[in-house]
Amino acid sequence: MSRRRTLAALAGVAASVIFPARTQSVRVYRVGILTYGSRANFRARADAFFSAMRALGYEDGRNVQYRWTSANGQDDLLQSFARDMARDPPDVVLSASALTTKVLQQASRTIPIVMAASEEPVLEGFVKSLDKPGTNITGISGSVLDHIPRHLELLVEVAPRIRRVVALLNPDNPTHAAYRSRLEAAIRPPRRFMMVEARNRDQIDRVFERRPRADEPEGLLVMNDPVLYTERRTIAEGAARLRQAAVYPLRGFVEVGGLMSFGPNPEASFIRAASFVDRILKGARPAEMAIEPAPRIELVLNRDAARSIGLTLPENLVKQAATVI
C-alpha cells in the first residue's frame, strides 16, 4: 500500500473514532431558579431540590447548570430577574412561590415553568385546569386555603378561651379575596374575625403595635404569602409580644419562634418539583402535565413558644405532630 493510501486509511479510522465521540458529547441543560426572599430563606428547599436532581442523574457542571436568582424581598428586583430570564431563557425555570410564578408568567408565555408552590393555580390564572394546564406552567399546588378550617380548630384546641381571631393577609396576593371569604365562612360564634392587611415590613410592625383587649383573648392566623414568610420572624415575635396563640401556614414560622403550623412541607414539594423539571428536560410539555397536590402535609409545634405565652400543648396534638420544637 502506498504511503498516500496508508495515510488516507488511517484518517478514515481516526474519523470513525472521533466522530462518534462528538455525537455523544453531554448536553448541559440550563435550569433557572427564582425566589422572592433571600437565599438563606430558601436554602433548605433549594438543597432538597438539588439533591433530588442529583438522584435523577443531574450533576451541576456536568450535564446541568443552575442559575439561582433571589430578589431579597424587593419587587423591582424580582421583575428585573424575570425579564432577564425571558431575554436569555433557560430550558426550564423552577418558581418558588405564586409571586415568582406571576412575574415569570408576565415576562414569558413560552419558557417552561415548574411551580414548587402555588395556592390556587386556576384561580391565580396560571393554568386552565389542574388536569391539563394548557399553558407553559405546571408543578405543585400546596393550597393552604383548604386547611383554614383545620387552622381554626387547632387554634381553639390550644387556646379555647379565644374570642377574636386576627387574620393577617397580604392584599397584593392574588388569592387574597379567596382567603378572606373562606375565613369568613369558617368562623363560628362566639368567635369573630378581625382582618388586618400588610404588604411590607412597616405595615406588619404596625399590626403588632396595638394592644388587644384583656377581656377578649386573641388568636392569630397568617396567610400563606412570600412577603409574610420573608418577615416570619417579625410576625412570630409580634404574636409572642401580644401573647397571641398563632397558627401559621408553614413550618418556617415555627422554626423562628412561632407557636404551630399546619400545611405543606416545603422541602418535600421542592423534591417533587425536581421530577417535573426532569420530565420537561426529557421533552414533556408543561401544558399536558397535570398539577399535583403537595406531597406532604404536616403539623409542627413549638413547646417553648407555648410556655412563653402561658399555654400547654395538648398531648393528643403532640402525638400528631411531625416535629415538636
Protein backbone atom coordinates (compact mmCIF):
# COMPACT_ATOMS: atom_id res chain seq x y z
CA MET A 1 0.00 0.00 0.00
CA SER A 2 1.37 3.42 -0.94
CA ARG A 3 2.12 5.98 1.74
CA ARG A 4 -0.76 8.14 0.47
CA ARG A 5 -3.23 5.25 0.70
CA THR A 6 -1.96 4.34 4.16
CA LEU A 7 -2.48 7.91 5.44
CA ALA A 8 -5.94 8.00 3.89
CA ALA A 9 -6.86 4.73 5.56
CA LEU A 10 -5.58 5.96 8.92
CA ALA A 11 -7.51 9.19 8.51
CA GLY A 12 -10.66 7.17 7.86
CA VAL A 13 -10.10 5.12 11.02
CA ALA A 14 -9.47 8.29 13.02
CA ALA A 15 -12.64 9.85 11.67
CA SER A 16 -14.65 6.76 12.55
CA VAL A 17 -13.34 7.02 16.14
CA ILE A 18 -13.56 10.76 16.64
CA PHE A 19 -16.99 11.40 15.09
CA PRO A 20 -18.98 9.14 17.43
CA ALA A 21 -17.26 10.79 20.39
CA ARG A 22 -18.51 14.18 19.19
CA THR A 23 -22.08 12.93 18.75
CA GLN A 24 -22.01 11.51 22.28
CA SER A 25 -20.97 14.79 23.93
CA VAL A 26 -23.02 15.54 27.06
CA ARG A 27 -25.68 18.20 26.75
CA VAL A 28 -25.66 20.75 29.57
CA TYR A 29 -29.20 21.77 30.49
CA ARG A 30 -29.86 25.24 31.91
CA VAL A 31 -32.22 25.39 34.88
CA GLY A 32 -33.27 28.73 36.33
CA ILE A 33 -34.50 29.15 39.92
CA LEU A 34 -36.35 32.28 41.02
CA THR A 35 -37.09 33.09 44.67
CA TYR A 36 -38.59 36.20 46.22
CA GLY A 37 -36.85 36.08 49.59
CA SER A 38 -33.18 35.75 50.38
CA ARG A 39 -31.13 32.65 49.62
CA ALA A 40 -30.98 31.93 53.34
CA ASN A 41 -34.78 31.75 53.39
CA PHE A 42 -34.80 29.10 50.68
CA ARG A 43 -31.53 27.27 51.30
CA ALA A 44 -33.13 24.13 52.77
CA ARG A 45 -35.65 23.95 49.92
CA ALA A 46 -33.01 24.54 47.26
CA ASP A 47 -30.74 21.90 48.78
CA ALA A 48 -33.66 19.44 48.72
CA PHE A 49 -34.24 20.23 45.04
CA PHE A 50 -30.54 19.89 44.13
CA SER A 51 -30.36 16.56 45.98
CA ALA A 52 -33.42 15.26 44.12
CA MET A 53 -31.92 16.38 40.80
CA ARG A 54 -28.70 14.50 41.58
CA ALA A 55 -30.73 11.40 42.34
CA LEU A 56 -32.27 11.77 38.86
CA GLY A 57 -28.81 11.89 37.28
CA TYR A 58 -28.15 15.62 37.01
CA GLU A 59 -24.72 16.82 38.16
CA ASP A 60 -24.04 20.52 38.40
CA GLY A 61 -21.33 21.48 35.92
CA ARG A 62 -21.51 18.20 34.01
CA ASN A 63 -24.99 17.97 32.49
CA VAL A 64 -26.86 20.79 34.23
CA GLN A 65 -26.14 24.42 35.03
CA TYR A 66 -28.20 26.23 37.65
CA ARG A 67 -28.94 29.92 37.71
CA TRP A 68 -30.43 30.82 41.08
CA THR A 69 -31.59 34.42 41.47
CA SER A 70 -33.12 35.79 44.69
CA ALA A 71 -34.87 39.14 44.87
CA ASN A 72 -34.22 39.57 48.62
CA GLY A 73 -37.79 40.74 49.10
CA GLN A 74 -37.53 43.55 46.54
CA ASP A 75 -40.35 43.72 43.98
CA ASP A 76 -38.37 45.69 41.40
CA LEU A 77 -35.52 43.17 41.52
CA LEU A 78 -37.96 40.29 41.15
CA GLN A 79 -39.43 41.78 37.99
CA SER A 80 -35.96 42.57 36.63
CA PHE A 81 -34.78 38.99 37.19
CA ALA A 82 -37.88 37.61 35.47
CA ARG A 83 -37.26 39.84 32.43
CA ASP A 84 -33.61 38.74 32.35
CA MET A 85 -34.71 35.11 32.21
CA ALA A 86 -37.10 35.92 29.36
CA ARG A 87 -34.28 37.55 27.39
CA ASP A 88 -31.87 34.66 27.97
CA PRO A 89 -34.25 31.76 28.58
CA PRO A 90 -33.12 28.60 30.37
CA ASP A 91 -34.55 25.22 29.44
CA VAL A 92 -36.89 25.38 32.44
CA VAL A 93 -37.44 27.63 35.46
CA LEU A 94 -38.26 26.48 39.00
CA SER A 95 -40.58 29.03 40.63
CA ALA A 96 -40.58 29.10 44.43
CA SER A 97 -43.95 30.79 45.05
CA ALA A 98 -47.10 32.16 43.48
CA LEU A 99 -45.50 35.61 43.47
CA THR A 100 -42.49 34.48 41.44
CA THR A 101 -44.73 32.48 39.10
CA LYS A 102 -46.82 35.58 38.47
CA VAL A 103 -43.87 37.74 37.39
CA LEU A 104 -42.41 34.92 35.31
CA GLN A 105 -45.75 34.50 33.54
CA GLN A 106 -45.83 38.22 32.83
CA ALA A 107 -42.31 38.05 31.40
CA SER A 108 -42.79 34.98 29.18
CA ARG A 109 -45.58 32.69 27.97
CA THR A 110 -43.14 30.21 26.44
CA ILE A 111 -40.43 29.35 29.00
CA PRO A 112 -41.41 26.13 30.80
CA ILE A 113 -42.16 27.00 34.43
CA VAL A 114 -42.39 24.48 37.28
CA MET A 115 -44.14 25.73 40.41
CA ALA A 116 -42.75 24.36 43.66
CA ALA A 117 -45.67 26.00 45.45
CA SER A 118 -48.97 27.57 44.49
CA GLU A 119 -52.21 28.24 46.33
CA GLU A 120 -54.86 28.02 43.61
CA PRO A 121 -53.20 27.80 40.15
CA VAL A 122 -56.51 28.08 38.27
CA LEU A 123 -57.79 30.97 40.39
CA GLU A 124 -54.42 32.70 40.07
CA GLY A 125 -54.63 32.44 36.28
CA PHE A 126 -51.55 30.26 35.88
CA VAL A 127 -53.29 27.25 34.32
CA LYS A 128 -56.61 26.45 32.66
CA SER A 129 -57.23 23.31 34.70
CA LEU A 130 -55.37 21.11 37.17
CA ASP A 131 -55.58 18.02 34.98
CA LYS A 132 -54.41 19.76 31.80
CA PRO A 133 -52.76 23.13 32.48
CA GLY A 134 -52.82 24.27 28.84
CA THR A 135 -50.06 26.84 29.46
CA ASN A 136 -46.28 26.92 29.95
CA ILE A 137 -46.78 26.33 33.69
CA THR A 138 -47.12 23.15 35.76
CA GLY A 139 -45.97 21.82 39.13
CA ILE A 140 -47.21 21.60 42.72
CA SER A 141 -50.34 23.11 44.26
CA GLY A 142 -49.91 23.28 48.02
CA SER A 143 -53.07 25.17 48.84
CA VAL A 144 -53.38 26.35 52.43
CA LEU A 145 -56.88 27.63 51.66
CA ASP A 146 -58.21 24.10 52.13
CA HIS A 147 -56.67 23.95 55.61
CA ILE A 148 -58.30 27.09 57.02
CA PRO A 149 -60.96 25.12 58.98
CA ARG A 150 -58.20 22.97 60.47
CA HIS A 151 -56.20 26.08 61.41
CA LEU A 152 -59.22 27.36 63.35
CA GLU A 153 -59.68 24.01 65.07
CA LEU A 154 -56.04 23.96 66.15
CA LEU A 155 -56.25 27.50 67.47
CA VAL A 156 -59.30 26.72 69.61
CA GLU A 157 -57.85 23.40 70.79
CA VAL A 158 -54.69 25.07 72.06
CA ALA A 159 -56.37 28.22 73.40
CA PRO A 160 -60.11 27.58 73.97
CA ARG A 161 -60.66 31.00 75.61
CA ILE A 162 -60.03 32.81 72.32
CA ARG A 163 -62.89 35.10 71.31
CA ARG A 164 -61.34 37.06 68.47
CA VAL A 165 -59.19 35.69 65.65
CA VAL A 166 -56.87 38.16 63.96
CA ALA A 167 -56.20 37.17 60.35
CA LEU A 168 -53.07 38.66 58.77
CA LEU A 169 -53.31 38.90 54.97
CA ASN A 170 -51.34 40.47 52.13
CA PRO A 171 -53.83 42.36 49.88
CA ASP A 172 -51.41 42.09 46.94
CA ASN A 173 -51.57 38.29 46.96
CA PRO A 174 -53.76 37.02 44.07
CA THR A 175 -55.60 34.63 46.43
CA HIS A 176 -56.32 37.37 48.97
CA ALA A 177 -60.06 37.52 48.20
CA ALA A 178 -60.48 33.73 48.31
CA TYR A 179 -58.55 33.52 51.57
CA ARG A 180 -60.73 36.20 53.13
CA SER A 181 -64.02 34.63 52.01
CA ARG A 182 -63.02 31.19 53.30
CA LEU A 183 -62.06 32.66 56.65
CA GLU A 184 -65.43 34.37 56.92
CA ALA A 185 -67.23 31.14 56.01
CA ALA A 186 -65.28 29.12 58.58
CA ILE A 187 -65.80 31.31 61.66
CA ARG A 188 -68.43 30.29 64.20
CA PRO A 189 -69.87 32.16 67.21
CA PRO A 190 -68.89 33.08 69.83
CA ARG A 191 -65.69 33.83 67.94
CA ARG A 192 -65.25 36.51 65.32
CA PHE A 193 -62.58 37.67 62.90
CA MET A 194 -60.62 40.85 62.66
CA MET A 195 -58.96 41.10 59.25
CA VAL A 196 -55.68 43.04 59.09
CA GLU A 197 -53.69 43.63 55.92
CA ALA A 198 -49.97 44.20 55.44
CA ARG A 199 -47.86 44.24 52.31
CA ASN A 200 -44.45 45.17 53.78
CA ARG A 201 -42.37 45.25 56.98
CA ASP A 202 -43.60 48.67 58.13
CA GLN A 203 -47.23 47.65 57.87
CA ILE A 204 -46.53 44.37 59.67
CA ASP A 205 -44.86 46.29 62.51
CA ARG A 206 -47.95 48.48 62.86
CA VAL A 207 -50.20 45.42 63.13
CA PHE A 208 -48.40 44.40 66.33
CA GLU A 209 -48.18 47.88 67.86
CA ARG A 210 -51.78 47.83 69.06
CA ARG A 211 -52.89 46.38 72.40
CA PRO A 212 -55.65 43.74 72.45
CA ARG A 213 -58.46 44.00 74.98
CA ALA A 214 -57.83 41.98 78.14
CA ASP A 215 -61.44 40.70 78.14
CA GLU A 216 -61.23 39.43 74.56
CA PRO A 217 -58.36 36.91 74.18
CA GLU A 218 -56.96 36.80 70.65
CA GLY A 219 -55.53 34.22 68.33
CA LEU A 220 -53.66 34.78 65.08
CA LEU A 221 -53.91 33.17 61.65
CA VAL A 222 -51.37 34.08 58.96
CA MET A 223 -51.95 33.82 55.23
CA ASN A 224 -49.54 31.78 53.11
CA ASP A 225 -47.66 34.53 51.29
CA PRO A 226 -43.99 35.07 50.30
CA VAL A 227 -43.88 38.59 51.76
CA LEU A 228 -45.27 37.43 55.09
CA TYR A 229 -42.96 34.42 55.03
CA THR A 230 -39.94 36.68 54.49
CA GLU A 231 -41.00 38.62 57.61
CA ARG A 232 -41.88 35.49 59.59
CA ARG A 233 -39.54 36.29 62.50
CA THR A 234 -41.09 39.75 62.90
CA ILE A 235 -44.57 38.19 62.88
CA ALA A 236 -43.71 35.41 65.34
CA GLU A 237 -42.09 37.90 67.72
CA GLY A 238 -45.07 40.26 67.43
CA ALA A 239 -47.53 37.48 68.25
CA ALA A 240 -45.44 36.44 71.26
CA ARG A 241 -45.31 40.04 72.46
CA LEU A 242 -49.12 40.27 72.34
CA ARG A 243 -49.37 36.77 73.86
CA GLN A 244 -51.39 35.54 70.90
CA ALA A 245 -51.78 31.86 70.18
CA ALA A 246 -50.97 31.58 66.47
CA VAL A 247 -51.26 29.08 63.63
CA TYR A 248 -49.01 29.54 60.62
CA PRO A 249 -49.13 28.00 57.13
CA LEU A 250 -45.54 26.71 57.02
CA ARG A 251 -43.03 25.24 59.46
CA GLY A 252 -40.54 28.06 58.81
CA PHE A 253 -42.61 30.32 61.08
CA VAL A 254 -42.36 27.80 63.92
CA GLU A 255 -38.63 27.33 63.44
CA VAL A 256 -38.09 31.04 64.25
CA GLY A 257 -40.30 31.03 67.36
CA GLY A 258 -43.89 30.69 66.16
CA LEU A 259 -46.35 28.51 68.09
CA MET A 260 -47.54 25.99 65.48
CA SER A 261 -48.02 25.40 61.78
CA PHE A 262 -50.17 23.15 59.65
CA GLY A 263 -49.53 22.94 55.95
CA PRO A 264 -47.32 21.61 53.16
CA ASN A 265 -43.75 20.55 53.85
CA PRO A 266 -41.79 22.89 51.53
CA GLU A 267 -38.76 20.61 51.15
CA ALA A 268 -40.99 17.70 50.09
CA SER A 269 -42.63 19.92 47.47
CA PHE A 270 -39.26 21.03 46.08
CA ILE A 271 -38.16 17.40 45.88
CA ARG A 272 -41.28 16.53 43.92
CA ALA A 273 -40.77 19.58 41.67
CA ALA A 274 -37.46 18.03 40.52
CA SER A 275 -39.40 15.24 38.79
CA PHE A 276 -41.35 17.85 36.80
CA VAL A 277 -38.09 19.53 35.76
CA ASP A 278 -36.66 16.16 34.73
CA ARG A 279 -39.66 15.30 32.57
CA ILE A 280 -39.59 18.68 30.84
CA LEU A 281 -35.88 18.37 30.10
CA LYS A 282 -36.67 15.00 28.53
CA GLY A 283 -39.30 16.52 26.25
CA ALA A 284 -42.57 16.68 28.18
CA ARG A 285 -44.76 19.76 27.67
CA PRO A 286 -45.97 21.69 30.76
CA ALA A 287 -49.34 22.23 29.07
CA GLU A 288 -50.01 18.50 29.30
CA MET A 289 -48.54 17.80 32.76
CA ALA A 290 -51.21 17.64 35.46
CA ILE A 291 -50.79 19.80 38.56
CA GLU A 292 -50.11 17.66 41.64
CA PRO A 293 -51.10 18.34 45.27
CA ALA A 294 -48.40 18.94 47.86
CA PRO A 295 -46.87 15.53 48.69
CA ARG A 296 -46.79 16.03 52.45
CA ILE A 297 -48.94 17.97 54.95
CA GLU A 298 -47.57 18.30 58.47
CA LEU A 299 -48.25 19.68 61.93
CA VAL A 300 -45.29 21.35 63.66
CA LEU A 301 -45.37 22.55 67.28
CA ASN A 302 -43.12 24.69 69.45
CA ARG A 303 -43.26 23.91 73.20
CA ASP A 304 -41.06 26.87 74.14
CA ALA A 305 -43.35 29.28 72.30
CA ALA A 306 -46.36 27.78 74.09
CA ARG A 307 -44.74 28.14 77.52
CA SER A 308 -43.74 31.75 76.81
CA ILE A 309 -47.39 32.77 76.44
CA GLY A 310 -48.70 30.58 79.25
CA LEU A 311 -50.11 27.69 77.21
CA THR A 312 -49.69 23.94 77.44
CA LEU A 313 -49.82 21.93 74.23
CA PRO A 314 -52.43 19.13 74.43
CA GLU A 315 -50.79 15.72 74.36
CA ASN A 316 -53.08 14.48 71.57
CA LEU A 317 -51.70 17.26 69.35
CA VAL A 318 -48.13 16.46 70.32
CA LYS A 319 -48.71 12.87 69.20
CA GLN A 320 -50.00 14.09 65.80
CA ALA A 321 -47.07 16.42 65.17
CA ALA A 322 -44.39 15.67 62.62
CA THR A 323 -41.97 17.82 64.63
CA VAL A 324 -42.04 19.26 68.15
CA ILE A 325 -39.51 22.01 68.80
